[in-house]
Protein backbone atom coordinates (compact mmCIF):
# COMPACT_ATOMS: atom_id res chain seq x y z
CA MET A 1 26.13 -9.02 -26.09
CA ASP A 2 24.48 -12.11 -24.60
CA MET A 3 22.50 -11.56 -21.45
CA PRO A 4 23.59 -13.73 -18.52
CA LYS A 5 21.16 -16.55 -17.88
CA ALA A 6 19.90 -18.02 -14.64
CA VAL A 7 18.10 -21.19 -13.63
CA LEU A 8 14.73 -20.67 -11.98
CA ASN A 9 13.55 -23.73 -10.06
CA PHE A 10 10.42 -24.30 -8.03
CA GLU A 11 11.27 -25.33 -4.45
CA GLU A 12 9.00 -28.36 -4.66
CA ASP A 13 10.86 -29.60 -7.76
CA VAL A 14 14.22 -29.28 -5.99
CA ALA A 15 12.79 -31.16 -3.02
CA SER A 16 11.41 -33.94 -5.26
CA TYR A 17 14.68 -34.31 -7.15
CA THR A 18 16.60 -34.35 -3.85
CA ILE A 19 14.42 -37.11 -2.41
CA LYS A 20 14.84 -39.17 -5.59
CA ALA A 21 18.62 -38.65 -5.56
CA SER A 22 18.91 -39.54 -1.86
CA VAL A 23 17.89 -43.15 -2.56
CA ASP A 24 19.50 -43.48 -6.00
CA PRO A 25 22.81 -45.43 -6.00
CA ARG A 26 23.91 -43.53 -9.15
CA THR A 27 24.18 -40.32 -7.10
CA CYS A 28 26.59 -41.58 -4.44
CA LYS A 29 29.43 -39.04 -4.05
CA ILE A 30 28.12 -37.08 -7.04
CA GLY A 31 26.95 -33.48 -7.27
CA ILE A 32 23.39 -33.11 -8.50
CA ILE A 33 22.77 -30.05 -10.66
CA TYR A 34 19.23 -28.68 -10.95
CA LYS A 35 19.23 -27.09 -14.41
CA PRO A 36 16.08 -27.99 -16.38
CA GLN A 37 16.80 -26.70 -19.89
CA GLY A 38 13.43 -24.96 -20.20
CA ASN A 39 14.02 -22.98 -17.01
CA ILE A 40 17.27 -21.31 -18.06
CA VAL A 41 16.39 -17.68 -18.77
CA SER A 42 17.81 -14.18 -18.82
CA GLN A 43 16.33 -11.41 -16.73
CA LEU A 44 14.74 -9.98 -19.90
CA ASP A 45 13.29 -13.42 -20.77
CA SER A 46 11.63 -13.61 -17.36
CA ILE A 47 10.27 -10.05 -17.69
CA SER A 48 8.86 -10.88 -21.14
CA SER A 49 7.18 -14.01 -19.73
CA TRP A 50 5.70 -11.95 -16.90
CA GLU A 51 4.34 -9.44 -19.41
CA LYS A 52 2.86 -12.22 -21.53
CA ASN A 53 1.19 -13.91 -18.53
CA THR A 54 -0.21 -10.69 -17.05
CA GLY A 55 -1.00 -8.75 -20.23
CA ILE A 56 0.83 -5.80 -18.67
CA THR A 57 3.78 -4.11 -20.39
CA LEU A 58 6.39 -3.07 -17.86
CA GLN A 59 8.48 0.06 -18.25
CA ARG A 60 12.12 -0.95 -18.57
CA THR A 61 14.83 1.27 -17.18
CA HIS A 62 18.50 0.39 -17.54
CA ILE A 63 20.42 0.83 -14.31
CA PRO A 64 24.22 0.77 -14.63
CA GLU A 65 25.92 -2.06 -12.75
CA GLN A 66 27.90 0.36 -10.55
CA ASP A 67 24.64 1.99 -9.41
CA ILE A 68 23.26 -1.42 -8.40
CA ILE A 69 26.42 -2.15 -6.42
CA LYS A 70 26.29 1.27 -4.70
CA HIS A 71 22.60 0.76 -3.90
CA SER A 72 23.26 -2.64 -2.32
CA GLU A 73 26.02 -1.13 -0.18
CA SER A 74 23.69 1.61 1.07
CA LEU A 75 20.86 -0.69 2.20
CA PRO A 76 20.51 -1.70 5.86
CA PHE A 77 20.63 -5.33 6.95
CA PRO A 78 18.73 -7.55 6.02
CA GLU A 79 17.47 -5.62 2.95
CA ASN A 80 21.06 -5.56 1.64
CA ILE A 81 21.11 -9.35 1.08
CA SER A 82 18.90 -9.80 -1.99
CA VAL A 83 20.41 -7.09 -4.22
CA PRO A 84 23.94 -8.59 -4.41
CA ILE A 85 22.49 -12.09 -4.89
CA LEU A 86 20.36 -10.91 -7.83
CA HIS A 87 23.37 -8.96 -9.15
CA ASN A 88 25.50 -12.12 -9.15
CA ILE A 89 22.76 -14.19 -10.80
CA PHE A 90 21.34 -11.85 -13.45
CA ILE A 91 24.21 -9.43 -14.18
CA LYS A 92 27.39 -11.39 -13.48
CA GLY A 93 25.88 -14.73 -14.55
CA ASP A 94 27.60 -16.58 -11.71
CA GLN A 95 24.86 -19.20 -11.42
CA MET A 96 25.68 -20.49 -14.92
CA SER A 97 29.41 -19.69 -15.13
CA PHE A 98 30.76 -23.16 -14.40
CA GLU A 99 31.27 -26.29 -16.43
CA LEU A 100 29.87 -29.61 -15.32
CA THR A 101 32.43 -32.27 -14.54
CA ALA A 102 32.34 -36.06 -14.38
CA ASN A 103 31.33 -35.64 -10.71
CA ASN A 104 28.15 -33.74 -11.66
CA LEU A 105 24.86 -35.11 -12.92
CA LYS A 106 21.87 -33.11 -14.10
CA ALA A 107 18.73 -34.03 -12.19
CA SER A 108 16.64 -33.58 -15.34
CA GLU A 109 18.78 -36.18 -17.15
CA LEU A 110 18.75 -38.60 -14.21
CA TYR A 111 14.97 -38.39 -13.93
CA PRO A 112 13.67 -37.50 -17.42
CA ASP A 113 10.12 -38.61 -16.58
CA TYR A 114 9.80 -36.05 -13.77
CA LYS A 115 7.66 -33.12 -14.95
CA TYR A 116 9.38 -30.08 -13.47
CA THR A 117 7.51 -26.79 -13.10
CA SER A 118 7.98 -24.55 -16.15
CA ILE A 119 8.74 -20.83 -16.00
CA ASP A 120 5.18 -20.05 -17.14
CA LYS A 121 3.74 -22.26 -14.38
CA LEU A 122 6.04 -20.61 -11.80
CA LEU A 123 4.73 -17.22 -12.89
CA ASP A 124 1.15 -18.50 -12.64
CA ILE A 125 1.85 -19.59 -9.06
CA CYS A 126 3.19 -16.11 -8.25
CA LEU A 127 0.15 -14.45 -9.83
CA VAL A 128 -2.63 -16.72 -8.53
CA ASN A 129 -1.38 -17.90 -5.15
CA PRO A 130 1.85 -16.10 -4.34
CA PRO A 131 3.92 -17.53 -1.50
CA LYS A 132 4.47 -15.23 1.44
CA PRO A 133 7.99 -13.76 1.40
CA ASN A 134 10.37 -14.93 4.08
CA LEU A 135 13.45 -13.22 5.38
CA VAL A 136 16.33 -15.40 6.38
CA ALA A 137 18.11 -14.69 9.65
CA LEU A 138 21.86 -14.95 9.34
CA ALA A 139 23.70 -14.93 12.62
């Protein structure tokens, strides 16, 4: 069974691509998709990269999907937000479950010279200078 894959993008890359697209006549009335090929990974791929970068082997425990859903339903707000999002991305594969159409352009193909941040570099950022976590307020 293939593991669902997700796209992991650095915020600064998305911002840079967005600024480029905002002044690019080719992107008028077009959806821009941020899917750099090298940053499409499964949850196990990202865990393996983390282990490689840290030199630490993590203990892996399989948690049945129904248990994850039950857990997310039992959490108080706002802690209950991230679990279903991660479930949809890494278990259901919803982030990658659509086909591109003629109205979609990949940012990495529009701007092939832009050097996006690789998964390994993203992990380095998290290890060396991790960003402070933010909670979003939904009202």
